[in-house]
N, C-alpha and C. Protein backbone atom coordinates (compact mmCIF):
# COMPACT_ATOMS: atom_id res chain seq x y z
N MET A 1 100.88 121.35 146.13
CA MET A 1 101.65 120.49 145.24
C MET A 1 101.94 120.94 143.81
N PRO A 2 103.00 120.93 143.19
CA PRO A 2 102.85 121.32 141.41
C PRO A 2 102.06 120.34 140.95
N VAL A 3 101.65 120.89 139.83
CA VAL A 3 100.94 119.84 138.85
C VAL A 3 101.85 118.52 138.56
N GLN A 4 101.12 117.46 138.59
CA GLN A 4 102.12 116.30 138.10
C GLN A 4 101.84 115.88 136.91
N ALA A 5 100.73 116.21 136.24
CA ALA A 5 100.26 115.38 134.86
C ALA A 5 99.43 116.52 133.91
N ILE A 6 99.34 116.42 132.93
CA ILE A 6 98.63 117.32 131.94
C ILE A 6 97.68 116.10 130.99
N VAL A 7 96.15 116.31 131.28
CA VAL A 7 95.42 115.28 130.54
C VAL A 7 94.77 116.11 129.32
N PHE A 8 94.87 115.54 127.97
CA PHE A 8 93.97 116.12 127.03
C PHE A 8 92.74 115.51 126.87
N ASP A 9 91.86 116.17 126.40
CA ASP A 9 90.81 115.58 125.59
C ASP A 9 91.36 115.48 124.08
N LEU A 10 90.60 114.85 123.33
CA LEU A 10 90.80 114.69 121.83
C LEU A 10 89.97 115.34 120.97
N ASP A 11 88.71 115.02 121.06
CA ASP A 11 87.60 115.69 120.23
C ASP A 11 87.25 117.11 120.43
N GLY A 12 87.62 117.90 119.77
CA GLY A 12 87.38 119.31 119.97
C GLY A 12 88.30 120.05 120.64
N VAL A 13 89.38 119.42 121.00
CA VAL A 13 90.42 120.17 121.57
C VAL A 13 91.91 119.99 120.79
N LEU A 14 92.17 118.61 120.19
CA LEU A 14 92.98 118.55 119.24
C LEU A 14 92.85 118.46 117.99
N ILE A 15 91.23 117.88 117.69
CA ILE A 15 90.90 117.82 116.08
C ILE A 15 89.71 118.30 116.41
N ASP A 16 88.98 119.03 115.22
CA ASP A 16 87.91 119.54 114.99
C ASP A 16 86.81 118.40 114.44
N SER A 17 86.67 117.51 115.20
CA SER A 17 85.88 116.15 114.90
C SER A 17 84.35 116.45 114.82
N GLU A 18 83.98 116.99 116.02
CA GLU A 18 82.60 117.00 116.36
C GLU A 18 81.65 117.15 115.01
N PRO A 19 81.94 118.32 114.23
CA PRO A 19 81.23 118.25 112.61
C PRO A 19 81.24 117.21 111.97
N MET A 20 82.34 116.26 112.14
CA MET A 20 82.50 115.05 111.26
C MET A 20 81.61 114.01 111.93
N TRP A 21 81.76 113.91 113.31
CA TRP A 21 80.85 113.06 113.84
C TRP A 21 79.29 113.17 113.63
N GLU A 22 79.04 114.42 113.63
CA GLU A 22 77.50 114.81 113.39
C GLU A 22 77.21 114.47 111.77
N GLU A 23 77.95 114.84 111.17
CA GLU A 23 77.74 114.54 109.64
C GLU A 23 77.65 112.92 109.20
N VAL A 24 78.34 112.28 109.89
CA VAL A 24 78.49 110.78 109.78
C VAL A 24 77.37 110.11 110.47
N ARG A 25 76.99 110.67 111.68
CA ARG A 25 75.88 109.97 112.54
C ARG A 25 74.65 110.41 111.94
N ARG A 26 74.53 111.74 111.30
CA ARG A 26 73.14 112.28 111.08
C ARG A 26 73.01 111.40 109.59
N ALA A 27 73.75 111.39 108.56
CA ALA A 27 73.69 110.48 107.43
C ALA A 27 73.04 108.93 107.79
N TYR A 28 73.74 108.50 108.84
CA TYR A 28 73.72 107.13 109.14
C TYR A 28 72.33 106.86 109.52
N VAL A 29 71.63 107.88 110.25
CA VAL A 29 70.31 107.60 111.07
C VAL A 29 69.39 108.00 109.47
N ALA A 30 69.67 108.72 108.91
CA ALA A 30 68.89 109.36 107.87
C ALA A 30 68.65 108.16 106.74
N ASP A 31 69.74 107.68 106.61
CA ASP A 31 69.95 106.37 105.69
C ASP A 31 68.93 105.24 106.14
N ARG A 32 68.84 105.11 107.16
CA ARG A 32 68.16 104.05 107.83
C ARG A 32 66.68 104.43 108.22
N GLY A 33 66.28 105.60 107.74
CA GLY A 33 64.99 105.89 107.95
C GLY A 33 64.62 106.44 109.32
N GLY A 34 65.54 106.79 110.33
CA GLY A 34 65.56 107.35 111.58
C GLY A 34 65.07 108.55 111.64
N ARG A 35 65.05 109.11 112.90
CA ARG A 35 64.86 110.43 113.30
C ARG A 35 65.89 111.06 113.96
N TRP A 36 66.36 112.30 113.82
CA TRP A 36 67.32 113.13 114.13
C TRP A 36 66.66 114.14 115.20
N LEU A 37 66.87 114.09 116.40
CA LEU A 37 66.17 115.09 117.43
C LEU A 37 67.03 116.13 117.49
N PRO A 38 66.10 117.32 118.08
CA PRO A 38 66.57 118.69 118.25
C PRO A 38 67.93 118.64 119.15
N ASP A 39 67.66 117.90 120.11
CA ASP A 39 69.34 117.83 121.26
C ASP A 39 70.13 116.51 120.95
N THR A 40 69.94 115.77 119.82
CA THR A 40 70.50 114.63 119.50
C THR A 40 71.85 115.05 119.90
N GLN A 41 72.50 115.93 119.00
CA GLN A 41 73.75 116.29 118.74
C GLN A 41 74.54 116.51 120.10
N GLU A 42 73.81 117.37 121.13
CA GLU A 42 74.24 117.58 122.33
C GLU A 42 74.36 116.54 123.32
N ARG A 43 73.12 115.79 123.17
CA ARG A 43 73.34 114.44 124.00
C ARG A 43 74.53 113.80 123.94
N LEU A 44 74.98 113.49 122.36
CA LEU A 44 76.10 112.55 122.02
C LEU A 44 77.13 112.90 122.41
N MET A 45 77.46 114.25 122.86
CA MET A 45 78.78 114.92 122.94
C MET A 45 79.17 114.27 124.28
N GLY A 46 80.40 113.28 124.53
CA GLY A 46 80.97 112.91 125.59
C GLY A 46 80.27 111.35 126.06
N MET A 47 79.43 111.05 125.08
CA MET A 47 78.90 109.70 125.30
C MET A 47 80.17 108.95 125.09
N SER A 48 80.32 107.74 125.73
CA SER A 48 80.79 106.37 125.29
C SER A 48 80.52 105.77 123.89
N THR A 49 81.34 105.17 123.40
CA THR A 49 80.86 104.15 122.11
C THR A 49 79.73 103.52 122.41
N ASN A 50 79.82 102.87 123.71
CA ASN A 50 78.43 101.71 123.85
C ASN A 50 77.28 102.78 124.14
N GLU A 51 77.41 104.01 124.75
CA GLU A 51 76.39 104.74 125.00
C GLU A 51 75.72 105.62 123.94
N TRP A 52 76.53 105.85 123.03
CA TRP A 52 75.63 106.64 121.97
C TRP A 52 75.31 105.40 120.78
N ALA A 53 75.79 104.35 120.82
CA ALA A 53 75.51 103.26 119.55
C ALA A 53 74.15 102.90 120.24
N ASP A 54 73.98 102.80 121.50
CA ASP A 54 72.57 102.25 122.12
C ASP A 54 71.58 103.16 121.91
N TYR A 55 72.00 104.56 122.28
CA TYR A 55 71.09 105.65 122.11
C TYR A 55 70.68 105.68 120.63
N LEU A 56 71.66 105.49 119.56
CA LEU A 56 71.19 105.63 118.16
C LEU A 56 70.14 104.28 117.85
N ALA A 57 70.57 103.09 118.37
CA ALA A 57 69.78 101.81 117.97
C ALA A 57 68.45 101.94 118.67
N THR A 58 68.51 102.37 119.75
CA THR A 58 67.22 102.57 120.76
C THR A 58 66.15 103.67 120.28
N ASP A 59 66.75 105.07 120.34
CA ASP A 59 65.67 106.10 120.36
C ASP A 59 65.74 106.80 118.99
N LEU A 60 66.52 106.42 118.07
CA LEU A 60 66.39 107.01 116.59
C LEU A 60 66.09 106.16 115.50
N ILE A 61 66.88 104.95 115.61
CA ILE A 61 66.64 104.16 114.34
C ILE A 61 65.80 102.92 115.00
N ASP A 62 65.04 102.33 114.00
CA ASP A 62 64.28 100.65 114.23
C ASP A 62 65.23 99.77 113.37
N GLY A 63 65.02 98.32 114.08
CA GLY A 63 65.82 97.31 113.29
C GLY A 63 67.28 97.22 113.40
N VAL A 64 67.90 98.03 113.86
CA VAL A 64 69.47 97.79 114.05
C VAL A 64 69.77 97.40 115.62
N THR A 65 70.98 96.70 115.59
CA THR A 65 71.86 96.67 116.94
C THR A 65 72.61 97.71 117.18
N ALA A 66 73.02 97.77 118.63
CA ALA A 66 73.83 98.53 119.18
C ALA A 66 75.45 98.53 118.46
N GLU A 67 75.34 97.12 118.40
CA GLU A 67 76.74 96.42 117.99
C GLU A 67 77.07 96.95 116.49
N GLN A 68 75.78 96.86 115.76
CA GLN A 68 75.94 97.11 114.20
C GLN A 68 76.20 98.57 114.13
N VAL A 69 75.46 99.31 114.75
CA VAL A 69 75.50 100.84 114.68
C VAL A 69 76.81 101.18 115.07
N ALA A 70 77.45 100.83 116.25
CA ALA A 70 78.98 101.25 116.60
C ALA A 70 79.81 100.78 115.60
N TYR A 71 79.98 99.52 115.03
CA TYR A 71 80.82 98.83 113.88
C TYR A 71 80.68 99.89 112.62
N GLU A 72 79.54 100.44 112.23
CA GLU A 72 79.44 100.82 110.84
C GLU A 72 79.74 102.38 110.87
N VAL A 73 79.37 102.92 112.16
CA VAL A 73 79.75 104.35 112.14
C VAL A 73 81.00 104.56 112.41
N ILE A 74 81.94 103.64 113.28
CA ILE A 74 83.39 103.95 113.68
C ILE A 74 84.18 103.67 112.21
N ASP A 75 83.69 102.53 111.49
CA ASP A 75 84.10 102.25 110.28
C ASP A 75 84.21 103.58 109.28
N GLN A 76 83.00 104.20 109.33
CA GLN A 76 82.84 105.71 108.43
C GLN A 76 84.11 106.39 108.98
N MET A 77 83.99 106.66 110.17
CA MET A 77 84.84 107.67 110.80
C MET A 77 86.46 107.36 110.55
N LEU A 78 86.71 106.08 110.41
CA LEU A 78 88.11 105.80 110.17
C LEU A 78 88.46 106.28 108.73
N GLN A 79 87.48 105.69 107.80
CA GLN A 79 87.89 106.13 106.67
C GLN A 79 88.00 107.79 106.29
N ARG A 80 86.91 108.44 106.84
CA ARG A 80 87.09 109.94 107.04
C ARG A 80 88.19 110.65 107.46
N TYR A 81 89.00 109.88 108.60
CA TYR A 81 90.18 110.78 109.19
C TYR A 81 91.29 110.06 108.35
N GLU A 82 91.30 109.01 107.49
CA GLU A 82 92.39 108.46 106.65
C GLU A 82 92.32 109.57 105.40
N GLU A 83 91.27 110.19 105.07
CA GLU A 83 91.18 110.94 104.08
C GLU A 83 91.78 112.02 104.40
N GLU A 84 91.14 112.79 105.66
CA GLU A 84 91.64 113.98 106.02
C GLU A 84 91.60 114.37 107.48
N LEU A 85 92.61 114.32 108.29
CA LEU A 85 92.47 114.59 109.81
C LEU A 85 92.38 116.16 110.04
N PRO A 86 91.21 116.31 110.67
CA PRO A 86 90.64 117.76 110.85
C PRO A 86 91.49 118.50 111.97
N LEU A 87 92.83 118.49 112.06
CA LEU A 87 93.40 119.27 113.31
C LEU A 87 93.12 120.53 113.50
N LEU A 88 93.10 120.89 114.78
CA LEU A 88 93.01 122.32 115.36
C LEU A 88 94.19 122.85 115.05
N PRO A 89 94.15 124.34 115.19
CA PRO A 89 95.45 125.02 115.12
C PRO A 89 96.18 124.85 116.54
N GLY A 90 97.49 124.60 116.11
CA GLY A 90 98.31 124.58 117.25
C GLY A 90 98.40 123.30 118.05
N ALA A 91 97.67 122.30 117.66
CA ALA A 91 97.59 121.04 118.35
C ALA A 91 99.07 120.36 118.33
N GLU A 92 99.64 120.02 117.46
CA GLU A 92 100.94 119.22 117.72
C GLU A 92 101.92 120.20 118.56
N ASP A 93 101.84 121.11 118.45
CA ASP A 93 102.89 122.02 119.21
C ASP A 93 102.34 121.92 120.77
N ALA A 94 101.23 122.26 121.24
CA ALA A 94 100.82 122.23 122.24
C ALA A 94 100.95 120.91 123.05
N VAL A 95 100.93 119.80 122.30
CA VAL A 95 101.26 118.47 122.70
C VAL A 95 102.48 118.46 123.19
N ARG A 96 103.41 118.84 122.24
CA ARG A 96 104.82 118.56 122.37
C ARG A 96 105.43 119.80 123.29
N ARG A 97 104.69 120.69 123.45
CA ARG A 97 105.26 121.69 124.82
C ARG A 97 105.02 121.20 125.98
N MET A 98 103.49 120.85 125.96
CA MET A 98 103.29 120.41 127.54
C MET A 98 103.90 118.84 127.71
N ALA A 99 104.29 118.11 126.81
CA ALA A 99 104.94 116.78 127.07
C ALA A 99 106.58 117.17 127.49
N ASP A 100 107.22 118.28 126.86
CA ASP A 100 108.44 118.67 127.72
C ASP A 100 108.33 119.07 129.08
N TYR A 101 106.98 119.37 129.67
CA TYR A 101 106.72 120.07 130.89
C TYR A 101 106.40 119.04 131.90
N ARG A 102 105.41 118.20 131.50
CA ARG A 102 104.88 117.02 132.47
C ARG A 102 104.53 115.88 131.66
N PRO A 103 104.30 114.77 132.24
CA PRO A 103 103.73 113.66 131.66
C PRO A 103 102.35 113.87 131.06
N LEU A 104 101.97 113.44 130.00
CA LEU A 104 100.89 113.36 129.46
C LEU A 104 100.00 112.26 129.33
N GLY A 105 98.41 112.50 129.69
CA GLY A 105 97.65 111.56 129.54
C GLY A 105 96.50 111.91 128.52
N LEU A 106 95.52 111.04 128.30
CA LEU A 106 94.28 111.42 127.15
C LEU A 106 93.31 110.96 127.55
N ALA A 107 92.18 111.44 127.67
CA ALA A 107 90.79 110.84 128.04
C ALA A 107 89.92 111.33 126.92
N SER A 108 89.56 110.24 126.12
CA SER A 108 88.59 110.65 125.02
C SER A 108 87.43 109.57 124.91
N SER A 109 86.17 110.50 124.27
CA SER A 109 85.19 109.54 124.28
C SER A 109 85.14 108.75 122.88
N SER A 110 86.29 109.07 121.99
CA SER A 110 86.38 108.19 121.01
C SER A 110 86.62 106.91 121.28
N PRO A 111 86.55 105.91 120.39
CA PRO A 111 86.73 104.60 120.41
C PRO A 111 88.47 104.28 120.25
N ARG A 112 88.83 103.30 120.68
CA ARG A 112 90.43 103.08 120.70
C ARG A 112 90.90 103.04 119.11
N ALA A 113 90.29 102.68 118.50
CA ALA A 113 90.81 102.74 117.11
C ALA A 113 91.10 103.67 116.49
N LEU A 114 90.04 104.90 116.83
CA LEU A 114 90.30 106.50 116.28
C LEU A 114 91.19 107.03 117.12
N ILE A 115 91.43 106.86 118.32
CA ILE A 115 92.29 107.59 119.43
C ILE A 115 93.82 107.33 118.60
N GLU A 116 94.20 105.72 118.52
CA GLU A 116 95.47 105.85 117.78
C GLU A 116 95.91 106.12 116.48
N LEU A 117 94.65 106.17 115.55
CA LEU A 117 95.00 106.68 114.06
C LEU A 117 95.22 108.08 114.45
N VAL A 118 94.35 109.04 115.27
CA VAL A 118 94.67 110.30 115.10
C VAL A 118 96.11 110.69 116.05
N LEU A 119 96.40 109.82 116.92
CA LEU A 119 97.87 110.38 117.76
C LEU A 119 98.92 110.03 116.66
N GLY A 120 98.65 108.74 115.90
CA GLY A 120 99.61 107.99 115.08
C GLY A 120 99.99 109.04 113.63
N LYS A 121 98.94 109.61 113.27
CA LYS A 121 99.08 110.34 112.28
C LYS A 121 99.49 111.97 112.67
N LEU A 122 99.02 112.10 113.69
CA LEU A 122 99.76 113.52 114.24
C LEU A 122 101.33 113.49 114.86
N GLY A 123 101.64 112.23 115.05
CA GLY A 123 103.16 112.09 115.18
C GLY A 123 103.43 111.96 116.61
N VAL A 124 102.33 111.92 117.67
CA VAL A 124 102.78 112.28 119.17
C VAL A 124 102.11 110.99 119.84
N ALA A 125 102.25 109.85 119.34
CA ALA A 125 101.63 108.89 120.15
C ALA A 125 102.72 108.61 121.22
N GLY A 126 103.94 108.57 121.28
CA GLY A 126 104.86 108.24 121.85
C GLY A 126 104.99 109.18 123.16
N LEU A 127 104.47 110.12 123.03
CA LEU A 127 104.18 111.32 123.75
C LEU A 127 103.34 111.30 124.89
N PHE A 128 102.36 110.24 124.84
CA PHE A 128 101.26 110.17 126.12
C PHE A 128 101.61 109.06 126.75
N ARG A 129 101.68 109.11 128.08
CA ARG A 129 102.01 107.95 128.70
C ARG A 129 100.75 107.12 129.22
N ALA A 130 99.83 107.67 129.08
CA ALA A 130 98.37 107.08 129.32
C ALA A 130 97.39 107.74 128.33
N THR A 131 96.50 106.47 127.73
CA THR A 131 95.33 106.94 127.17
C THR A 131 94.24 106.16 127.48
N VAL A 132 93.15 106.87 127.61
CA VAL A 132 91.90 106.00 127.81
C VAL A 132 90.74 106.46 127.00
N SER A 133 90.10 105.45 126.44
CA SER A 133 88.96 105.46 125.81
C SER A 133 87.60 105.28 126.78
N THR A 134 86.83 106.05 126.72
CA THR A 134 85.62 106.05 127.76
C THR A 134 84.79 104.51 127.41
N GLU A 135 85.11 104.12 126.34
CA GLU A 135 84.77 102.90 125.81
C GLU A 135 85.14 101.58 126.77
N GLU A 136 86.25 102.07 127.43
CA GLU A 136 87.21 101.03 128.10
C GLU A 136 86.64 101.18 129.82
N VAL A 137 85.92 102.08 130.15
CA VAL A 137 85.31 102.43 131.34
C VAL A 137 83.95 102.07 131.76
N ASP A 138 83.28 102.19 132.91
CA ASP A 138 81.97 101.94 132.80
C ASP A 138 81.02 103.09 132.35
N ARG A 139 81.40 104.34 132.67
CA ARG A 139 80.44 105.47 132.25
C ARG A 139 81.36 106.50 131.34
N GLY A 140 80.66 107.14 130.65
CA GLY A 140 81.22 107.90 129.75
C GLY A 140 81.00 109.47 130.43
N LYS A 141 81.65 110.37 129.78
CA LYS A 141 81.50 111.65 130.30
C LYS A 141 79.76 112.12 130.32
N PRO A 142 79.50 112.93 131.14
CA PRO A 142 80.14 113.89 132.34
C PRO A 142 80.77 113.10 133.54
N GLU A 143 80.39 111.90 133.72
CA GLU A 143 81.09 110.86 134.81
C GLU A 143 82.51 111.09 134.82
N PRO A 144 83.15 110.96 135.85
CA PRO A 144 84.75 111.12 135.94
C PRO A 144 85.65 109.67 135.80
N ASP A 145 84.77 108.65 135.23
CA ASP A 145 85.49 107.33 135.17
C ASP A 145 86.62 107.27 134.15
N GLY A 146 86.57 107.99 132.97
CA GLY A 146 87.85 108.32 132.06
C GLY A 146 89.00 108.79 132.77
N TYR A 147 88.71 110.05 133.36
CA TYR A 147 89.78 110.90 133.79
C TYR A 147 90.55 110.17 134.91
N LEU A 148 89.58 109.45 135.78
CA LEU A 148 90.21 108.78 136.95
C LEU A 148 90.87 107.69 136.38
N ALA A 149 90.62 107.06 135.38
CA ALA A 149 91.38 105.97 134.80
C ALA A 149 92.42 106.47 134.35
N VAL A 150 92.74 107.57 133.58
CA VAL A 150 94.09 108.05 133.13
C VAL A 150 94.94 108.53 134.35
N ALA A 151 94.46 109.17 135.27
CA ALA A 151 95.16 109.36 136.56
C ALA A 151 95.85 108.19 137.10
N ALA A 152 94.96 107.32 137.20
CA ALA A 152 95.58 106.01 137.81
C ALA A 152 96.67 105.45 137.24
N GLN A 153 96.74 105.31 135.90
CA GLN A 153 97.63 105.02 134.86
C GLN A 153 98.99 105.69 135.19
N LEU A 154 98.76 106.91 135.29
CA LEU A 154 99.66 107.91 135.22
C LEU A 154 100.50 107.79 136.87
N GLY A 155 99.75 107.23 137.82
CA GLY A 155 100.17 106.91 139.10
C GLY A 155 99.82 108.36 139.93
N VAL A 156 99.08 109.17 139.69
CA VAL A 156 98.88 110.42 140.27
C VAL A 156 97.32 110.41 140.40
N SER A 157 97.03 111.38 141.49
CA SER A 157 95.47 111.57 141.85
C SER A 157 94.73 112.49 140.97
N GLY A 158 93.68 112.68 140.86
CA GLY A 158 92.97 113.75 139.91
C GLY A 158 93.25 115.01 140.09
N GLY A 159 93.46 115.28 141.47
CA GLY A 159 93.62 116.73 141.94
C GLY A 159 95.19 117.19 141.65
N ASP A 160 96.02 116.08 141.33
CA ASP A 160 97.42 116.28 140.75
C ASP A 160 97.37 116.73 138.94
N CYS A 161 96.27 116.81 138.67
CA CYS A 161 96.52 116.97 137.11
C CYS A 161 95.57 118.22 136.61
N VAL A 162 96.11 118.80 135.38
CA VAL A 162 95.31 119.77 134.67
C VAL A 162 94.84 119.16 133.30
N ALA A 163 93.52 119.30 133.33
CA ALA A 163 92.85 118.65 132.01
C ALA A 163 92.63 119.63 131.26
N ILE A 164 92.83 119.63 129.67
CA ILE A 164 92.29 120.60 128.81
C ILE A 164 91.09 119.98 128.16
N GLU A 165 89.87 120.47 128.15
CA GLU A 165 88.64 120.21 127.61
C GLU A 165 87.80 121.30 126.84
N ASP A 166 86.88 121.21 126.00
CA ASP A 166 86.05 121.91 125.00
C ASP A 166 84.64 121.76 125.46
N SER A 167 84.05 120.52 125.78
CA SER A 167 82.73 120.56 125.84
C SER A 167 82.11 120.76 127.48
N ALA A 168 80.73 120.69 127.52
CA ALA A 168 80.44 120.66 128.78
C ALA A 168 80.05 119.66 129.64
N ASN A 169 80.13 118.41 128.73
CA ASN A 169 80.17 117.12 129.49
C ASN A 169 81.60 116.55 130.12
N GLY A 170 82.73 117.08 128.95
CA GLY A 170 83.88 116.88 129.24
C GLY A 170 84.50 117.85 130.48
N ILE A 171 84.37 119.03 130.43
CA ILE A 171 84.51 119.96 131.61
C ILE A 171 83.89 119.17 133.01
N ARG A 172 82.73 118.75 133.06
CA ARG A 172 82.07 118.33 134.19
C ARG A 172 82.82 117.05 134.65
N SER A 173 83.52 115.98 133.61
CA SER A 173 83.87 115.06 133.84
C SER A 173 85.44 115.05 134.52
N ALA A 174 85.98 115.88 133.87
CA ALA A 174 87.19 116.42 134.23
C ALA A 174 87.35 117.10 135.70
N HIS A 175 86.20 117.81 135.96
CA HIS A 175 86.33 118.69 137.31
C HIS A 175 85.63 117.65 138.33
N ALA A 176 84.88 116.57 137.95
CA ALA A 176 84.37 115.64 138.87
C ALA A 176 85.38 114.57 139.30
N ALA A 177 86.56 114.36 138.48
CA ALA A 177 87.69 113.81 138.96
C ALA A 177 88.62 114.51 139.59
N GLY A 178 88.29 115.70 139.85
CA GLY A 178 89.16 116.58 140.79
C GLY A 178 90.16 117.46 140.03
N MET A 179 90.22 117.33 138.64
CA MET A 179 91.18 117.99 138.02
C MET A 179 91.12 119.62 138.12
N THR A 180 91.96 120.29 137.74
CA THR A 180 92.04 121.59 137.23
C THR A 180 91.65 121.78 135.88
N VAL A 181 90.66 122.56 135.28
CA VAL A 181 90.53 122.46 133.98
C VAL A 181 90.82 123.85 133.25
N ILE A 182 91.38 123.52 131.84
CA ILE A 182 91.47 124.64 131.06
C ILE A 182 90.43 124.47 130.08
N ALA A 183 89.50 125.28 129.81
CA ALA A 183 88.50 125.16 128.75
C ALA A 183 88.56 125.86 127.61
N ILE A 184 88.52 125.13 126.47
CA ILE A 184 88.67 125.89 125.17
C ILE A 184 87.43 125.50 124.16
N PRO A 185 86.35 126.58 124.52
CA PRO A 185 85.16 126.09 123.69
C PRO A 185 85.19 126.23 122.31
N ARG A 186 84.43 125.45 121.79
CA ARG A 186 84.33 125.38 120.24
C ARG A 186 83.08 126.24 120.04
N PRO A 187 83.06 127.29 119.10
CA PRO A 187 82.13 127.99 118.80
C PRO A 187 80.72 127.49 118.23
N ALA A 188 80.89 126.31 117.73
CA ALA A 188 79.82 125.77 117.28
C ALA A 188 78.74 124.95 118.31
N HIS A 189 79.58 124.75 119.52
CA HIS A 189 79.04 123.70 120.32
C HIS A 189 79.45 124.51 121.81
N PRO A 190 79.16 125.44 122.22
CA PRO A 190 79.65 126.05 123.52
C PRO A 190 79.04 125.50 124.72
N PRO A 191 79.94 125.30 125.51
CA PRO A 191 79.54 124.63 126.67
C PRO A 191 78.22 125.53 127.54
N ALA A 192 77.80 124.98 128.30
CA ALA A 192 76.69 125.54 129.16
C ALA A 192 77.25 126.25 130.30
N PRO A 193 76.84 127.38 130.48
CA PRO A 193 77.60 128.44 131.59
C PRO A 193 77.86 127.89 132.62
N ASP A 194 76.79 126.96 133.10
CA ASP A 194 77.26 126.41 134.34
C ASP A 194 78.37 125.37 134.37
N ALA A 195 78.69 124.74 133.27
CA ALA A 195 79.68 123.94 133.04
C ALA A 195 81.03 124.68 132.83
N LEU A 196 80.94 125.62 132.02
CA LEU A 196 82.08 126.51 131.92
C LEU A 196 82.62 127.32 133.15
N ALA A 197 81.63 127.55 134.24
CA ALA A 197 81.99 128.09 135.41
C ALA A 197 83.02 127.19 136.42
N LEU A 198 82.95 125.85 135.83
CA LEU A 198 83.87 124.68 136.57
C LEU A 198 85.46 125.00 136.25
N ALA A 199 85.62 125.54 135.05
CA ALA A 199 86.95 125.76 134.55
C ALA A 199 87.84 126.76 135.30
N ALA A 200 88.92 126.56 135.47
CA ALA A 200 89.95 127.46 136.09
C ALA A 200 90.19 128.66 135.09
N HIS A 201 90.37 128.19 133.92
CA HIS A 201 90.60 129.24 132.88
C HIS A 201 89.84 128.95 131.64
N VAL A 202 89.57 129.96 130.80
CA VAL A 202 88.90 129.82 129.47
C VAL A 202 89.79 130.22 128.60
N ALA A 203 90.39 129.47 127.65
CA ALA A 203 91.19 129.75 126.69
C ALA A 203 90.66 130.06 125.19
N ASP A 204 91.28 130.76 124.57
CA ASP A 204 90.62 130.95 123.02
C ASP A 204 91.27 130.21 122.15
N GLY A 205 92.29 129.35 122.42
CA GLY A 205 92.93 128.16 121.72
C GLY A 205 94.17 127.57 122.50
N LEU A 206 94.32 126.45 121.63
CA LEU A 206 95.86 125.85 122.26
C LEU A 206 97.12 126.64 122.53
N ASP A 207 97.14 127.86 121.81
CA ASP A 207 98.49 128.27 122.00
C ASP A 207 98.55 129.04 123.45
N GLU A 208 97.44 129.18 124.02
CA GLU A 208 97.47 129.74 125.32
C GLU A 208 97.71 128.80 126.56
N VAL A 209 97.53 127.42 125.97
CA VAL A 209 98.12 126.13 126.92
C VAL A 209 99.64 126.22 127.11
N THR A 210 100.12 126.69 128.21
CA THR A 210 101.52 126.81 128.43
C THR A 210 101.79 126.35 129.88
N PRO A 211 103.11 126.09 129.97
CA PRO A 211 103.44 125.72 131.50
C PRO A 211 103.24 126.74 132.33
N ASP A 212 103.43 128.10 131.94
CA ASP A 212 103.28 129.31 132.80
C ASP A 212 101.93 129.30 133.18
N LEU A 213 100.77 129.29 132.46
CA LEU A 213 99.56 129.17 132.36
C LEU A 213 99.43 128.25 133.80
N VAL A 214 99.68 126.87 133.26
CA VAL A 214 99.41 125.67 134.27
C VAL A 214 99.87 126.00 135.71
N ALA A 215 100.80 126.53 135.71
CA ALA A 215 101.52 126.78 137.14
C ALA A 215 100.64 128.13 137.80
N VAL A 216 100.07 128.87 137.12
CA VAL A 216 99.20 129.90 137.92
C VAL A 216 97.93 129.44 138.26
N ILE A 217 97.32 128.55 137.28
CA ILE A 217 96.07 128.34 137.83
C ILE A 217 95.93 127.05 138.63
N HIS A 218 96.87 126.13 138.67
CA HIS A 218 96.86 125.23 139.51
C HIS A 218 97.38 125.40 141.02
N ASN A 219 96.64 125.01 142.01
CA ASN A 219 97.09 125.71 143.35
C ASN A 219 96.25 124.56 144.52
C-alpha cells in the first residue's frame, strides 16, 4: 500500500533546538548547585517533559520538584524561541512540499506550548492534521507511544507512515511504531550506529525529503 501519511519530529528536524535545550538546562542545573553528568544530554534527548523534569529534580538537583523544574525550564525556552527561532535549512519548504503530497503529523518530545509556538511562527500550523507531544502519552521516546498516537489521530496504522527523525531515541521510537524512517542526523549528536541502521534512508538535509524519495523507500 502506498504511504498514507508523513510524520515529522520537531527538535533536530525542523528546528536546531538541542543546543538551546542543552544551554538552558545546563544553566538551570548550575544555577541551583546541581551536577551535569557526562551522559546527561544524551539521556535527555527524546524524554517527555515529565521524564526529563523528574530526572533533573531527582538525579541532578536537590531541593526542587519536577513540576517546578518543568515550569521554569519551559518558560525559559518560550522566551528564547520568541527572541529567535532556530530554524533548520529547508524546514518550511519541506513541510509545505510534503503537505501537498500526503497528510502530515508531528510527534515531538517538546511540550505542547513549544510545539504550538514553533509551528505558528513557522506559519505551517494549519498543515498538520495531527500533533502529539510525548507529555500527552504514557511514555516518551524511544518508546513508540507518541508515534502510535499520531497515527491513530490520522486514522492510519504505523506501517502506513513515513517518519522523519534525527536522534537515536527518535529513530527507535518511530521504527518501533512500525514506521519507515528517514534519518537526518545532527552532527553534534549523531545517532548510535544500531539506531541509524533502523532507518530506511539517511539524508543529509531536509531538501532530500521529497515525495519521490518516500515512494522509493516505503514498500
